[in-house]
Amino acid sequence: MSDELQREQLEVLREIRDRQREAVELLKSQRALVEEQLRRSRDSVQESIGLQKAALARQRQVTMVALPGILACILAIGYLIWRYF
């Protein structure tokens, strides 16, 4: 092989190496971005689960207060209907 051909091959190999390094760096930055998005998504899901648990607890409390009140009203109406009709 001539020196010129070897230099061209060496230059091509260096170009390939440089492009591969660029590709690896790009992949690293994309991976970091994906990991950050995954972390934010997990945080959001955890917050959503917490809010849902709080809502269910409030719903139970309201049910425990409202249900006896509604039953008392129905019984009072029934009593009034029975008493006056």
C-alpha atoms as a PDB file:
ATOM      1  CA  MET A   1       0.000   0.000   0.000  1.00  0.00           C
ATOM      2  CA  SER A   2       1.114   3.435  -0.717  1.00  0.00           C
ATOM      3  CA  ASP A   3       1.557   6.025   2.002  1.00  0.00           C
ATOM      4  CA  GLU A   4      -1.203   8.139   0.472  1.00  0.00           C
ATOM      5  CA  LEU A   5      -3.711   5.276   0.593  1.00  0.00           C
ATOM      6  CA  GLN A   6      -2.783   4.506   4.190  1.00  0.00           C
ATOM      7  CA  ARG A   7      -3.247   8.131   5.145  1.00  0.00           C
ATOM      8  CA  GLU A   8      -6.676   8.204   3.502  1.00  0.00           C
ATOM      9  CA  GLN A   9      -7.693   5.016   5.295  1.00  0.00           C
ATOM     10  CA  LEU A  10      -6.379   6.394   8.569  1.00  0.00           C
ATOM     11  CA  GLU A  11      -8.336   9.610   8.018  1.00  0.00           C
ATOM     12  CA  VAL A  12     -11.514   7.637   7.246  1.00  0.00           C
ATOM     13  CA  LEU A  13     -11.024   5.561  10.384  1.00  0.00           C
ATOM     14  CA  ARG A  14     -10.523   8.709  12.451  1.00  0.00           C
ATOM     15  CA  GLU A  15     -13.707  10.180  10.989  1.00  0.00           C
ATOM     16  CA  ILE A  16     -15.603   7.012  11.856  1.00  0.00           C
ATOM     17  CA  ARG A  17     -14.200   7.120  15.391  1.00  0.00           C
ATOM     18  CA  ASP A  18     -15.134  10.779  15.807  1.00  0.00           C
ATOM     19  CA  ARG A  19     -18.669  10.183  14.541  1.00  0.00           C
ATOM     20  CA  GLN A  20     -19.071   7.224  16.860  1.00  0.00           C
ATOM     21  CA  ARG A  21     -17.956   9.370  19.787  1.00  0.00           C
ATOM     22  CA  GLU A  22     -20.486  12.014  18.800  1.00  0.00           C
ATOM     23  CA  ALA A  23     -23.184   9.335  18.587  1.00  0.00           C
ATOM     24  CA  VAL A  24     -22.233   7.993  22.025  1.00  0.00           C
ATOM     25  CA  GLU A  25     -22.369  11.498  23.522  1.00  0.00           C
ATOM     26  CA  LEU A  26     -25.753  12.092  21.930  1.00  0.00           C
ATOM     27  CA  LEU A  27     -27.038   8.791  23.317  1.00  0.00           C
ATOM     28  CA  LYS A  28     -25.731   9.699  26.785  1.00  0.00           C
ATOM     29  CA  SER A  29     -27.548  13.030  26.731  1.00  0.00           C
ATOM     30  CA  GLN A  30     -30.740  11.383  25.490  1.00  0.00           C
ATOM     31  CA  ARG A  31     -30.494   8.762  28.219  1.00  0.00           C
ATOM     32  CA  ALA A  32     -30.079  11.468  30.855  1.00  0.00           C
ATOM     33  CA  LEU A  33     -33.155  13.230  29.484  1.00  0.00           C
ATOM     34  CA  VAL A  34     -35.190  10.021  29.533  1.00  0.00           C
ATOM     35  CA  GLU A  35     -34.085   9.263  33.098  1.00  0.00           C
ATOM     36  CA  GLU A  36     -35.123  12.763  34.205  1.00  0.00           C
ATOM     37  CA  GLN A  37     -38.508  12.367  32.516  1.00  0.00           C
ATOM     38  CA  LEU A  38     -38.946   8.968  34.150  1.00  0.00           C
ATOM     39  CA  ARG A  39     -38.125  10.446  37.574  1.00  0.00           C
ATOM     40  CA  ARG A  40     -40.637  13.261  37.052  1.00  0.00           C
ATOM     41  CA  SER A  41     -43.247  10.769  35.888  1.00  0.00           C
ATOM     42  CA  ARG A  42     -42.729   8.617  38.984  1.00  0.00           C
ATOM     43  CA  ASP A  43     -42.991  11.681  41.219  1.00  0.00           C
ATOM     44  CA  SER A  44     -46.198  12.686  39.470  1.00  0.00           C
ATOM     45  CA  VAL A  45     -47.677   9.207  39.870  1.00  0.00           C
ATOM     46  CA  GLN A  46     -46.772   9.165  43.573  1.00  0.00           C
ATOM     47  CA  GLU A  47     -48.378  12.572  44.060  1.00  0.00           C
ATOM     48  CA  SER A  48     -51.482  11.408  42.214  1.00  0.00           C
ATOM     49  CA  ILE A  49     -51.737   8.301  44.385  1.00  0.00           C
ATOM     50  CA  GLY A  50     -51.413  10.431  47.512  1.00  0.00           C
ATOM     51  CA  LEU A  51     -54.149  12.786  46.340  1.00  0.00           C
ATOM     52  CA  GLN A  52     -56.434   9.864  45.517  1.00  0.00           C
ATOM     53  CA  LYS A  53     -55.909   8.373  48.979  1.00  0.00           C
ATOM     54  CA  ALA A  54     -56.711  11.740  50.574  1.00  0.00           C
ATOM     55  CA  ALA A  55     -59.859  12.054  48.439  1.00  0.00           C
ATOM     56  CA  LEU A  56     -61.019   8.576  49.455  1.00  0.00           C
ATOM     57  CA  ALA A  57     -60.464   9.391  53.120  1.00  0.00           C
ATOM     58  CA  ARG A  58     -62.519  12.588  52.759  1.00  0.00           C
ATOM     59  CA  GLN A  59     -65.230  10.690  50.929  1.00  0.00           C
ATOM     60  CA  ARG A  60     -65.439   8.172  53.772  1.00  0.00           C
ATOM     61  CA  GLN A  61     -65.737  10.983  56.308  1.00  0.00           C
ATOM     62  CA  VAL A  62     -68.500  12.678  54.341  1.00  0.00           C
ATOM     63  CA  THR A  63     -70.320   9.385  53.930  1.00  0.00           C
ATOM     64  CA  MET A  64     -70.099   8.695  57.661  1.00  0.00           C
ATOM     65  CA  VAL A  65     -71.671  12.093  58.404  1.00  0.00           C
ATOM     66  CA  ALA A  66     -74.121  12.395  55.499  1.00  0.00           C
ATOM     67  CA  LEU A  67     -75.574   8.877  55.502  1.00  0.00           C
ATOM     68  CA  PRO A  68     -76.979   9.046  59.057  1.00  0.00           C
ATOM     69  CA  GLY A  69     -78.333  12.525  58.305  1.00  0.00           C
ATOM     70  CA  ILE A  70     -80.070  11.343  55.159  1.00  0.00           C
ATOM     71  CA  LEU A  71     -81.516   8.325  56.984  1.00  0.00           C
ATOM     72  CA  ALA A  72     -82.751  10.584  59.785  1.00  0.00           C
ATOM     73  CA  CYS A  73     -84.482  12.857  57.253  1.00  0.00           C
ATOM     74  CA  ILE A  74     -86.119   9.892  55.510  1.00  0.00           C
ATOM     75  CA  LEU A  75     -87.316   8.510  58.829  1.00  0.00           C
ATOM     76  CA  ALA A  76     -88.668  11.938  59.845  1.00  0.00           C
ATOM     77  CA  ILE A  77     -90.548  12.280  56.545  1.00  0.00           C
ATOM     78  CA  GLY A  78     -91.882   8.761  56.933  1.00  0.00           C
ATOM     79  CA  TYR A  79     -93.003   9.534  60.457  1.00  0.00           C
ATOM     80  CA  LEU A  80     -94.747  12.728  59.333  1.00  0.00           C
ATOM     81  CA  ILE A  81     -96.494  10.917  56.491  1.00  0.00           C
ATOM     82  CA  TRP A  82     -97.598   8.102  58.785  1.00  0.00           C
ATOM     83  CA  ARG A  83     -98.700  10.546  61.506  1.00  0.00           C
ATOM     84  CA  TYR A  84    -100.763  12.906  59.335  1.00  0.00           C
ATOM     85  CA  PHE A  85    -102.157  10.628  56.630  1.00  0.00           C
END
